[in-house]
Amino acid sequence: MKEERSDTVTVDKVPESEIKILRNLYQNREGLRVVTLIKLTGIHRRTLYRNLKRLKEKGLIENIFPMWKIVNGQVKFCHSLLKDNNIFELHNFSYVLKLIKKPDWWAKRKPRLMRLKEWQFKHVNFGKGGTNPFQQLMNENFVIQTYPESIIIIARKRYYSNSPYKTLTQAIDDVLDIISYLEERLKFTLFPSEIPCLEIRNNDFLRLKDHLAEHCRKEGRRFLVELDKNRKVWVDYSEPFGKEANYPEGQEILEKVTKDHLLNKPLLNSELQELVGSLAKIQKIEQENKAEYSKDLVQHKNAIQIMSEETKKMGQNTAANSRSIELLSDVILSLKEEFKK
């Protein structure tokens, strides 16, 4: 039977049931309770205790009541026993969920949080004199801290993969599941769609960045992601209209304008400017013509008014002349009659 050796421990081939226990303890370095191990491995209690005893005798694990954990210094050796190709590990991840909207009862959330099953509840008077208290929920994998304006989700579990990208996606999938769970239980949408409000906090990005650097080519405020010959994309962070710029409203406007240009072929800004300039010149000429016409119209109006007044005067003189002629005619007739006599 083949033996596996470390500097301090020599073991024969490890049975599958013990491999299950080691794998879960390896992924949870802080240790696990027996109840949790039963749940994760599916091994019966009596069999589990028997396996734990054997692993302890082999010097691989220890019991610091109530937790079972891998012995310090044997982590790498246990990894070799697991024959696991998942060399990338992600841990100490935390997420800050900014509460864009809050339910009316959020200031009095304590009773609702206490009713959540499978979570340990704790009220913590944080800050000097308890000025920044929060309510905490905790289970084997996560710690959730609720504040007046945010929720902090701390991942206790470790993520393993042969790709750093996959470890990240596993972690994000888990936290999105936690948010969905809280929304379902609290009956309120804490994570509104199309609004960026979730931040990741972690210091272990160096290997991930190194891995990304192998597939990316940076150029100013943008970089090229080249997966293979047929799959390439530029990620542009330039403000305000970079494809990944932190300005979603402006990005939406830009996309609408681009779509309009592609589908409807409207005039370009330079063409519109030239057209507007031509219309402005035409309008100016029309205004000058209207001003001249108005001036002539006033002069014509004044002339017509003068002519009207003169006509009235002439009418009055004509009436007087007609009366004088009638009187003179009567006098002449009277003289004729006298002469005849």
Protein backbone atom coordinates (compact mmCIF):
# COMPACT_ATOMS: atom_id res chain seq x y z
CA MET A 1 0.00 0.00 0.00
CA LYS A 2 1.40 3.35 -1.03
CA GLU A 3 2.37 5.71 1.77
CA GLU A 4 2.08 9.50 1.77
CA ARG A 5 4.72 11.40 3.75
CA SER A 6 5.15 14.84 5.23
CA ASP A 7 7.99 16.02 7.43
CA THR A 8 6.15 14.86 10.54
CA VAL A 9 3.39 12.52 9.36
CA THR A 10 3.28 9.28 7.36
CA VAL A 11 -0.09 7.87 6.33
CA ASP A 12 -1.36 5.03 4.19
CA LYS A 13 -3.92 5.59 1.45
CA VAL A 14 -6.72 7.71 2.91
CA PRO A 15 -10.27 6.23 2.73
CA GLU A 16 -12.94 8.19 0.84
CA SER A 17 -14.88 9.04 4.02
CA GLU A 18 -11.77 10.62 5.56
CA ILE A 19 -11.07 12.46 2.29
CA LYS A 20 -14.55 14.04 2.57
CA ILE A 21 -13.77 15.24 6.08
CA LEU A 22 -10.33 16.57 5.13
CA ARG A 23 -11.73 18.38 2.08
CA ASN A 24 -14.32 20.24 4.17
CA LEU A 25 -11.80 21.07 6.89
CA TYR A 26 -9.33 22.23 4.24
CA GLN A 27 -11.97 24.57 2.78
CA ASN A 28 -12.82 25.88 6.26
CA ARG A 29 -9.46 26.43 7.94
CA GLU A 30 -11.01 28.03 11.00
CA GLY A 31 -12.57 24.67 11.80
CA LEU A 32 -16.02 23.08 11.79
CA ARG A 33 -18.38 21.65 14.39
CA VAL A 34 -19.47 18.02 14.26
CA VAL A 35 -23.03 19.05 13.39
CA THR A 36 -21.76 21.01 10.39
CA LEU A 37 -19.48 18.18 9.25
CA ILE A 38 -22.42 15.76 9.31
CA LYS A 39 -24.43 18.16 7.18
CA LEU A 40 -21.60 18.76 4.67
CA THR A 41 -20.32 15.20 4.32
CA GLY A 42 -23.52 13.18 4.77
CA ILE A 43 -21.65 10.79 7.10
CA HIS A 44 -23.55 9.36 10.10
CA ARG A 45 -22.55 10.68 13.51
CA ARG A 46 -20.96 7.47 14.82
CA THR A 47 -18.98 6.90 11.61
CA LEU A 48 -17.91 10.53 11.60
CA TYR A 49 -16.51 10.34 15.14
CA ARG A 50 -14.64 7.16 14.20
CA ASN A 51 -13.07 8.87 11.17
CA LEU A 52 -12.20 11.98 13.19
CA LYS A 53 -10.47 9.80 15.76
CA ARG A 54 -8.36 8.06 13.07
CA LEU A 55 -7.38 11.35 11.43
CA LYS A 56 -6.42 12.75 14.83
CA GLU A 57 -4.27 9.69 15.53
CA LYS A 58 -2.53 10.25 12.19
CA GLY A 59 -1.66 13.77 13.33
CA LEU A 60 -3.65 15.49 10.57
CA ILE A 61 -6.43 17.14 12.57
CA GLU A 62 -7.04 18.32 16.13
CA ASN A 63 -10.06 19.08 18.30
CA ILE A 64 -10.21 22.52 19.92
CA PHE A 65 -13.65 22.14 21.41
CA PRO A 66 -16.14 22.45 19.86
CA MET A 67 -14.24 22.82 16.55
CA TRP A 68 -12.30 20.27 14.50
CA LYS A 69 -9.55 21.69 12.28
CA ILE A 70 -6.41 20.71 10.34
CA VAL A 71 -3.25 20.84 12.43
CA ASN A 72 -1.04 23.87 11.76
CA GLY A 73 1.77 22.87 9.42
CA GLN A 74 -0.20 20.03 7.78
CA VAL A 75 -2.33 22.11 5.40
CA LYS A 76 -0.10 21.58 2.33
CA PHE A 77 0.23 17.88 3.10
CA CYS A 78 -3.56 17.53 3.37
CA HIS A 79 -3.88 19.29 0.03
CA SER A 80 -1.56 16.72 -1.54
CA LEU A 81 -3.71 13.93 -0.05
CA LEU A 82 -6.78 15.44 -1.67
CA LYS A 83 -5.00 15.35 -5.06
CA ASP A 84 -6.79 18.58 -5.88
CA ASN A 85 -5.80 20.65 -8.93
CA ASN A 86 -7.65 23.70 -7.58
CA ILE A 87 -4.52 25.67 -6.72
CA PHE A 88 -6.19 29.08 -6.51
CA GLU A 89 -7.80 30.08 -3.23
CA LEU A 90 -10.00 33.06 -2.44
CA HIS A 91 -10.85 34.04 1.15
CA ASN A 92 -11.42 37.00 3.47
CA PHE A 93 -13.97 38.44 1.08
CA SER A 94 -16.53 40.99 2.25
CA TYR A 95 -19.26 42.91 0.45
CA VAL A 96 -20.88 46.26 1.22
CA LEU A 97 -24.48 46.58 0.03
CA LYS A 98 -25.48 50.26 -0.02
CA LEU A 99 -29.16 50.63 0.87
CA ILE A 100 -30.48 52.89 -1.90
CA LYS A 101 -33.98 52.24 -0.58
CA LYS A 102 -35.00 50.98 2.85
CA PRO A 103 -38.27 49.61 4.21
CA ASP A 104 -40.15 51.82 6.65
CA TRP A 105 -39.39 49.43 9.51
CA TRP A 106 -35.60 49.27 8.90
CA ALA A 107 -34.83 51.39 11.99
CA LYS A 108 -36.72 48.72 14.02
CA ARG A 109 -35.39 45.67 12.17
CA LYS A 110 -34.14 43.72 15.20
CA PRO A 111 -37.29 41.55 15.77
CA ARG A 112 -37.49 40.57 12.08
CA LEU A 113 -33.82 39.57 11.99
CA MET A 114 -34.18 37.51 15.16
CA ARG A 115 -36.90 35.43 13.48
CA LEU A 116 -34.60 34.26 10.66
CA LYS A 117 -33.96 30.55 11.15
CA GLU A 118 -30.53 28.86 10.89
CA TRP A 119 -28.79 32.12 11.80
CA GLN A 120 -27.22 33.14 15.10
CA PHE A 121 -28.39 36.65 16.02
CA LYS A 122 -26.35 39.16 17.99
CA HIS A 123 -26.74 42.87 18.76
CA VAL A 124 -23.37 44.66 18.85
CA ASN A 125 -22.84 48.11 20.38
CA PHE A 126 -20.00 49.15 18.10
CA GLY A 127 -18.07 52.41 18.27
CA LYS A 128 -17.18 54.70 21.13
CA GLY A 129 -20.02 54.62 23.62
CA GLY A 130 -22.02 52.36 21.27
CA THR A 131 -22.55 55.19 18.78
CA ASN A 132 -22.58 52.85 15.75
CA PRO A 133 -24.51 49.73 16.79
CA PHE A 134 -25.36 46.94 14.34
CA GLN A 135 -27.22 43.66 14.29
CA GLN A 136 -25.29 40.56 13.26
CA LEU A 137 -26.39 37.27 11.71
CA MET A 138 -23.93 34.40 11.49
CA ASN A 139 -23.79 30.81 10.21
CA GLU A 140 -21.00 28.47 9.07
CA ASN A 141 -20.31 30.36 5.83
CA PHE A 142 -21.29 34.02 6.29
CA VAL A 143 -21.49 36.88 8.75
CA ILE A 144 -24.11 39.54 7.96
CA GLN A 145 -23.93 42.93 9.69
CA THR A 146 -26.85 45.33 9.25
CA TYR A 147 -26.36 49.10 9.65
CA PRO A 148 -28.73 52.07 9.16
CA GLU A 149 -27.43 52.77 5.62
CA SER A 150 -25.79 49.52 4.54
CA ILE A 151 -25.40 45.77 4.95
CA ILE A 152 -21.96 44.17 5.19
CA ILE A 153 -21.70 40.51 4.16
CA ILE A 154 -18.50 38.71 5.21
CA ALA A 155 -17.68 35.36 3.61
CA ARG A 156 -16.21 32.87 6.10
CA LYS A 157 -15.80 30.08 3.57
CA ARG A 158 -12.89 29.66 1.20
CA TYR A 159 -13.18 29.22 -2.55
CA TYR A 160 -10.96 26.94 -4.62
CA SER A 161 -10.52 26.51 -8.35
CA ASN A 162 -7.89 26.02 -11.02
CA SER A 163 -8.81 29.49 -12.30
CA PRO A 164 -8.84 32.69 -10.18
CA TYR A 165 -11.75 33.97 -12.26
CA LYS A 166 -13.89 30.97 -11.21
CA THR A 167 -13.12 31.53 -7.54
CA LEU A 168 -14.38 35.08 -7.90
CA THR A 169 -17.58 34.06 -9.72
CA GLN A 170 -18.27 31.39 -7.06
CA ALA A 171 -17.96 33.99 -4.31
CA ILE A 172 -20.19 36.52 -6.10
CA ASP A 173 -22.82 33.87 -6.86
CA ASP A 174 -22.96 33.03 -3.16
CA VAL A 175 -23.40 36.61 -2.02
CA LEU A 176 -26.14 37.22 -4.62
CA ASP A 177 -27.91 34.14 -3.25
CA ILE A 178 -27.62 35.60 0.26
CA ILE A 179 -29.11 38.91 -0.91
CA SER A 180 -31.98 37.07 -2.65
CA TYR A 181 -32.58 35.09 0.55
CA LEU A 182 -32.76 38.28 2.63
CA GLU A 183 -35.10 39.96 0.11
CA GLU A 184 -37.41 36.95 0.16
CA ARG A 185 -37.50 36.74 3.96
CA LEU A 186 -37.75 40.50 4.56
CA LYS A 187 -40.15 41.01 1.62
CA PHE A 188 -38.26 44.02 0.33
CA THR A 189 -35.94 44.63 -2.65
CA LEU A 190 -32.59 45.53 -1.09
CA PHE A 191 -30.68 45.21 -4.38
CA PRO A 192 -32.59 47.23 -7.05
CA SER A 193 -31.77 46.33 -10.64
CA GLU A 194 -29.67 48.63 -12.85
CA ILE A 195 -28.34 50.54 -9.81
CA PRO A 196 -24.71 49.78 -8.83
CA CYS A 197 -24.80 49.48 -5.04
CA LEU A 198 -22.65 46.42 -4.18
CA GLU A 199 -18.96 46.87 -3.39
CA ILE A 200 -16.35 44.11 -2.92
CA ARG A 201 -13.70 44.58 -0.24
CA ASN A 202 -10.62 42.35 -0.25
CA ASN A 203 -6.85 42.63 -0.27
CA ASP A 204 -6.12 39.39 -2.14
CA PHE A 205 -6.32 40.66 -5.72
CA LEU A 206 -2.66 40.36 -6.72
CA ARG A 207 -2.75 36.87 -8.22
CA LEU A 208 -6.06 37.63 -9.89
CA LYS A 209 -4.60 40.78 -11.47
CA ASP A 210 -1.51 38.87 -12.58
CA HIS A 211 -3.72 36.26 -14.22
CA LEU A 212 -5.79 38.94 -15.98
CA ALA A 213 -2.64 40.67 -17.14
CA GLU A 214 -1.77 37.58 -19.18
CA HIS A 215 -4.92 38.10 -21.28
CA CYS A 216 -5.14 41.91 -21.30
CA ARG A 217 -3.35 44.76 -23.03
CA LYS A 218 -3.77 48.17 -21.43
CA GLU A 219 -3.88 51.34 -23.49
CA GLY A 220 -4.60 54.59 -21.65
CA ARG A 221 -7.98 54.38 -19.95
CA ARG A 222 -8.99 51.17 -21.73
CA PHE A 223 -7.69 47.63 -22.07
CA LEU A 224 -8.12 44.77 -24.51
CA VAL A 225 -9.37 41.41 -23.25
CA GLU A 226 -8.25 38.75 -25.74
CA LEU A 227 -9.56 35.25 -24.95
CA ASP A 228 -8.64 33.78 -28.33
CA LYS A 229 -8.34 34.84 -31.99
CA ASN A 230 -12.09 35.19 -32.44
CA ARG A 231 -13.09 36.61 -29.04
CA LYS A 232 -11.76 40.07 -28.28
CA VAL A 233 -13.32 43.07 -26.56
CA TRP A 234 -12.12 46.53 -25.56
CA VAL A 235 -13.12 47.63 -22.05
CA ASP A 236 -13.08 51.42 -21.94
CA TYR A 237 -13.10 53.26 -18.58
CA SER A 238 -12.70 56.78 -20.00
CA GLU A 239 -15.16 59.32 -18.59
CA PRO A 240 -17.92 60.06 -19.17
CA PHE A 241 -18.76 57.76 -22.08
CA GLY A 242 -16.42 54.79 -21.73
CA LYS A 243 -18.19 51.47 -22.17
CA GLU A 244 -17.58 50.65 -18.50
CA ALA A 245 -17.58 54.24 -17.21
CA ASN A 246 -19.37 54.87 -13.94
CA TYR A 247 -22.05 56.99 -15.65
CA PRO A 248 -24.93 54.66 -16.62
CA GLU A 249 -27.37 57.47 -17.47
CA GLY A 250 -24.90 59.04 -19.91
CA GLN A 251 -24.09 55.62 -21.32
CA GLU A 252 -27.78 55.02 -22.01
CA ILE A 253 -28.07 58.36 -23.83
CA LEU A 254 -24.96 57.58 -25.88
CA GLU A 255 -26.37 54.21 -26.92
CA LYS A 256 -29.67 55.80 -27.98
CA VAL A 257 -27.84 58.42 -30.08
CA THR A 258 -25.66 55.76 -31.71
CA LYS A 259 -28.68 53.58 -32.50
CA ASP A 260 -30.50 56.58 -33.99
CA HIS A 261 -27.53 57.37 -36.26
CA LEU A 262 -27.30 53.77 -37.44
CA LEU A 263 -31.02 53.29 -38.14
CA ASN A 264 -32.32 56.73 -39.18
CA LYS A 265 -29.21 58.37 -40.69
CA PRO A 266 -29.95 61.88 -39.30
CA LEU A 267 -27.84 64.93 -40.22
CA LEU A 268 -24.49 65.24 -38.50
CA ASN A 269 -23.87 68.13 -36.10
CA SER A 270 -21.66 69.91 -38.66
CA GLU A 271 -24.40 69.58 -41.31
CA LEU A 272 -27.03 70.84 -38.89
CA GLN A 273 -24.81 73.80 -38.00
CA GLU A 274 -24.40 74.72 -41.68
CA LEU A 275 -28.16 74.41 -42.28
CA VAL A 276 -29.00 76.52 -39.23
CA GLY A 277 -26.51 79.18 -40.40
CA SER A 278 -28.18 79.35 -43.85
CA LEU A 279 -31.63 79.64 -42.30
CA ALA A 280 -30.41 82.41 -40.00
CA LYS A 281 -29.14 84.41 -43.01
CA ILE A 282 -32.46 84.00 -44.86
CA GLN A 283 -34.38 85.04 -41.78
CA LYS A 284 -32.19 88.14 -41.38
CA ILE A 285 -32.83 89.22 -45.01
CA GLU A 286 -36.58 88.70 -44.52
CA GLN A 287 -36.55 90.80 -41.38
CA GLU A 288 -34.70 93.63 -43.20
CA ASN A 289 -37.25 93.46 -46.05
CA LYS A 290 -40.13 93.54 -43.60
CA ALA A 291 -38.65 96.58 -41.89
CA GLU A 292 -38.36 98.44 -45.22
CA TYR A 293 -41.87 97.43 -46.22
CA SER A 294 -43.23 98.64 -42.90
CA LYS A 295 -41.53 102.00 -43.42
CA ASP A 296 -43.07 102.40 -46.91
CA LEU A 297 -46.45 101.34 -45.57
CA VAL A 298 -46.38 104.09 -42.94
CA GLN A 299 -45.51 106.69 -45.56
CA HIS A 300 -48.37 105.50 -47.80
CA LYS A 301 -50.76 105.61 -44.89
CA ASN A 302 -49.78 109.21 -44.08
CA ALA A 303 -50.21 110.24 -47.74
CA ILE A 304 -53.67 108.66 -47.91
CA GLN A 305 -54.68 110.45 -44.71
CA ILE A 306 -53.57 113.83 -46.15
CA MET A 307 -55.45 113.14 -49.38
CA SER A 308 -58.58 112.30 -47.43
CA GLU A 309 -58.46 115.54 -45.49
CA GLU A 310 -57.97 117.60 -48.69
CA THR A 311 -60.88 115.81 -50.34
CA LYS A 312 -63.13 116.70 -47.46
CA LYS A 313 -62.16 120.34 -47.82
CA MET A 314 -62.84 120.28 -51.53
CA GLY A 315 -66.23 118.75 -50.88
CA GLN A 316 -67.15 121.52 -48.50
CA ASN A 317 -66.09 124.24 -51.05
CA THR A 318 -68.06 122.56 -53.85
CA ALA A 319 -71.26 122.58 -51.76
CA ALA A 320 -70.86 126.33 -51.04
CA ASN A 321 -70.23 127.08 -54.74
CA SER A 322 -73.33 125.15 -55.75
CA ARG A 323 -75.53 127.24 -53.41
CA SER A 324 -74.10 130.52 -54.74
CA ILE A 325 -74.83 129.47 -58.33
CA GLU A 326 -78.43 128.64 -57.42
CA LEU A 327 -78.95 132.10 -55.80
CA LEU A 328 -77.36 133.85 -58.76
CA SER A 329 -79.65 131.95 -61.14
CA ASP A 330 -82.69 133.04 -59.15
CA VAL A 331 -81.56 136.73 -59.32
CA ILE A 332 -81.08 136.53 -63.11
CA LEU A 333 -84.58 135.08 -63.57
CA SER A 334 -86.09 137.85 -61.48
CA LEU A 335 -84.28 140.54 -63.56
CA LYS A 336 -85.55 138.95 -66.79
CA GLU A 337 -89.12 139.10 -65.54
CA GLU A 338 -88.75 142.78 -64.59
CA PHE A 339 -87.28 143.63 -67.95
CA LYS A 340 -90.16 142.04 -69.78
CA LYS A 341 -92.58 144.05 -67.83
